[in-house]
C-alpha atoms as a PDB file:
ATOM      1  CA  MET A   1     -15.562  -5.709  12.985  1.00  0.00           C
ATOM      2  CA  GLU A   2     -15.557  -8.763  15.043  1.00  0.00           C
ATOM      3  CA  THR A   3     -14.388  -9.623  18.643  1.00  0.00           C
ATOM      4  CA  VAL A   4     -13.493 -12.137  20.626  1.00  0.00           C
ATOM      5  CA  SER A   5     -15.684 -14.020  23.766  1.00  0.00           C
ATOM      6  CA  PHE A   6     -12.982 -12.971  26.125  1.00  0.00           C
ATOM      7  CA  THR A   7     -12.254 -10.538  28.695  1.00  0.00           C
ATOM      8  CA  ALA A   8      -9.019 -12.793  29.885  1.00  0.00           C
ATOM      9  CA  MET A   9      -6.354 -14.335  27.325  1.00  0.00           C
ATOM     10  CA  ALA A  10      -7.407 -17.898  29.648  1.00  0.00           C
ATOM     11  CA  ASP A  11     -10.645 -17.887  28.775  1.00  0.00           C
ATOM     12  CA  GLY A  12     -10.171 -18.149  24.882  1.00  0.00           C
ATOM     13  CA  THR A  13     -11.642 -20.025  22.518  1.00  0.00           C
ATOM     14  CA  GLN A  14     -10.186 -22.379  19.468  1.00  0.00           C
ATOM     15  CA  THR A  15     -12.931 -20.280  17.002  1.00  0.00           C
ATOM     16  CA  ASP A  16     -11.397 -17.032  18.732  1.00  0.00           C
ATOM     17  CA  TYR A  17      -8.049 -17.167  18.304  1.00  0.00           C
ATOM     18  CA  GLU A  18      -8.749 -17.903  15.017  1.00  0.00           C
ATOM     19  CA  LEU A  19     -10.408 -15.137  14.131  1.00  0.00           C
ATOM     20  CA  LEU A  20      -6.996 -13.535  16.223  1.00  0.00           C
ATOM     21  CA  ASP A  21      -4.722 -15.555  14.488  1.00  0.00           C
ATOM     22  CA  ARG A  22      -6.692 -13.791  10.930  1.00  0.00           C
ATOM     23  CA  TYR A  23      -6.262 -10.420  12.144  1.00  0.00           C
ATOM     24  CA  ALA A  24      -2.827 -11.535  13.491  1.00  0.00           C
ATOM     25  CA  ASP A  25      -2.209 -12.020   9.715  1.00  0.00           C
ATOM     26  CA  GLU A  26      -4.029  -9.187   7.530  1.00  0.00           C
ATOM     27  CA  TYR A  27      -1.812  -6.556   9.837  1.00  0.00           C
ATOM     28  CA  ALA A  28       1.871  -8.138   9.359  1.00  0.00           C
ATOM     29  CA  ARG A  29       1.016  -7.831   5.261  1.00  0.00           C
ATOM     30  CA  GLN A  30       0.619  -4.400   6.512  1.00  0.00           C
ATOM     31  CA  LEU A  31       3.865  -3.934   7.499  1.00  0.00           C
ATOM     32  CA  PRO A  32       5.506  -3.016   4.131  1.00  0.00           C
ATOM     33  CA  ASP A  33       2.906  -0.570   3.467  1.00  0.00           C
ATOM     34  CA  ARG A  34       3.289   0.999   7.677  1.00  0.00           C
ATOM     35  CA  VAL A  35       6.937   0.990   7.471  1.00  0.00           C
ATOM     36  CA  LEU A  36       7.383   3.339   3.859  1.00  0.00           C
ATOM     37  CA  ALA A  37       4.682   5.777   5.137  1.00  0.00           C
ATOM     38  CA  ALA A  38       6.619   5.800   8.506  1.00  0.00           C
ATOM     39  CA  LEU A  39       9.544   6.866   6.386  1.00  0.00           C
ATOM     40  CA  ASP A  40       8.111   9.011   4.295  1.00  0.00           C
ATOM     41  CA  ALA A  41       7.115  10.576   6.975  1.00  0.00           C
ATOM     42  CA  LEU A  42      10.419  11.665   8.541  1.00  0.00           C
ATOM     43  CA  LYS A  43      10.566  14.176   5.043  1.00  0.00           C
ATOM     44  CA  GLN A  44       7.644  16.297   8.042  1.00  0.00           C
ATOM     45  CA  SER A  45      10.040  16.406  10.356  1.00  0.00           C
ATOM     46  CA  PHE A  46      11.474  19.442  13.143  1.00  0.00           C
ATOM     47  CA  ALA A  47      13.377  22.075  11.391  1.00  0.00           C
ATOM     48  CA  GLY A  48      16.912  23.133  12.140  1.00  0.00           C
ATOM     49  CA  TYR A  49      18.487  20.451   9.909  1.00  0.00           C
ATOM     50  CA  GLN A  50      20.632  20.915   6.904  1.00  0.00           C
ATOM     51  CA  VAL A  51      19.326  17.860   5.795  1.00  0.00           C
ATOM     52  CA  ASN A  52      15.541  16.411   7.591  1.00  0.00           C
ATOM     53  CA  ARG A  53      15.940  13.051   8.631  1.00  0.00           C
ATOM     54  CA  TYR A  54      14.524  11.566   5.553  1.00  0.00           C
ATOM     55  CA  GLU A  55      17.132  12.498   3.310  1.00  0.00           C
ATOM     56  CA  HIS A  56      19.583  11.905   5.762  1.00  0.00           C
ATOM     57  CA  SER A  57      18.499   8.490   6.484  1.00  0.00           C
ATOM     58  CA  LEU A  58      19.118   7.331   2.851  1.00  0.00           C
ATOM     59  CA  GLN A  59      22.506   9.192   3.547  1.00  0.00           C
ATOM     60  CA  SER A  60      23.108   6.049   5.980  1.00  0.00           C
ATOM     61  CA  ALA A  61      20.978   3.479   4.188  1.00  0.00           C
ATOM     62  CA  THR A  62      23.412   4.971   0.907  1.00  0.00           C
ATOM     63  CA  ARG A  63      26.864   4.509   2.770  1.00  0.00           C
ATOM     64  CA  ALA A  64      25.430   1.099   4.310  1.00  0.00           C
ATOM     65  CA  LEU A  65      25.174  -0.021   0.165  1.00  0.00           C
ATOM     66  CA  ARG A  66      28.606   0.921  -0.645  1.00  0.00           C
ATOM     67  CA  ASP A  67      30.670  -0.039   2.574  1.00  0.00           C
ATOM     68  CA  GLY A  68      29.743  -3.086   1.659  1.00  0.00           C
ATOM     69  CA  ARG A  69      27.437  -3.845   4.434  1.00  0.00           C
ATOM     70  CA  SER A  70      24.630  -6.668   4.992  1.00  0.00           C
ATOM     71  CA  GLU A  71      20.999  -5.850   2.599  1.00  0.00           C
ATOM     72  CA  GLU A  72      19.801  -6.221   7.368  1.00  0.00           C
ATOM     73  CA  TYR A  73      22.597  -3.282   7.891  1.00  0.00           C
ATOM     74  CA  VAL A  74      21.193  -1.849   5.520  1.00  0.00           C
ATOM     75  CA  VAL A  75      17.730  -1.361   6.029  1.00  0.00           C
ATOM     76  CA  ALA A  76      18.682  -1.014   9.437  1.00  0.00           C
ATOM     77  CA  ALA A  77      20.287   1.976   8.672  1.00  0.00           C
ATOM     78  CA  LEU A  78      17.199   3.085   6.512  1.00  0.00           C
ATOM     79  CA  LEU A  79      15.164   2.917   9.988  1.00  0.00           C
ATOM     80  CA  HIS A  80      17.088   3.456  11.920  1.00  0.00           C
ATOM     81  CA  ASP A  81      14.840   7.057  13.211  1.00  0.00           C
ATOM     82  CA  LEU A  82      11.655   6.071  12.917  1.00  0.00           C
ATOM     83  CA  GLY A  83      11.222   5.991  16.817  1.00  0.00           C
ATOM     84  CA  ASP A  84      12.482   9.122  16.714  1.00  0.00           C
ATOM     85  CA  GLU A  85       8.983  10.713  15.609  1.00  0.00           C
ATOM     86  CA  LEU A  86       7.352   9.265  18.729  1.00  0.00           C
ATOM     87  CA  ALA A  87       9.916   9.527  21.005  1.00  0.00           C
ATOM     88  CA  PRO A  88      12.754  12.250  20.363  1.00  0.00           C
END
């Protein structure tokens, strides 16, 4: 993988920052796949509840949708537990 030439941001060249822009664009394009994978990983959350975190997320989003909430609100309801897998 190609890397930048600097160790301090102030020393970066235009070529360095163009390289970072290309990598950032590709990373951003992959965001939907990463979010869906994180959501799917909630299926293997810790046990003990009657529904797992994946099912809970679907329930939350469904309730928000049925309540007429905005698209952003529904998405937030769907994804609200993603961080629990990293910092329970």
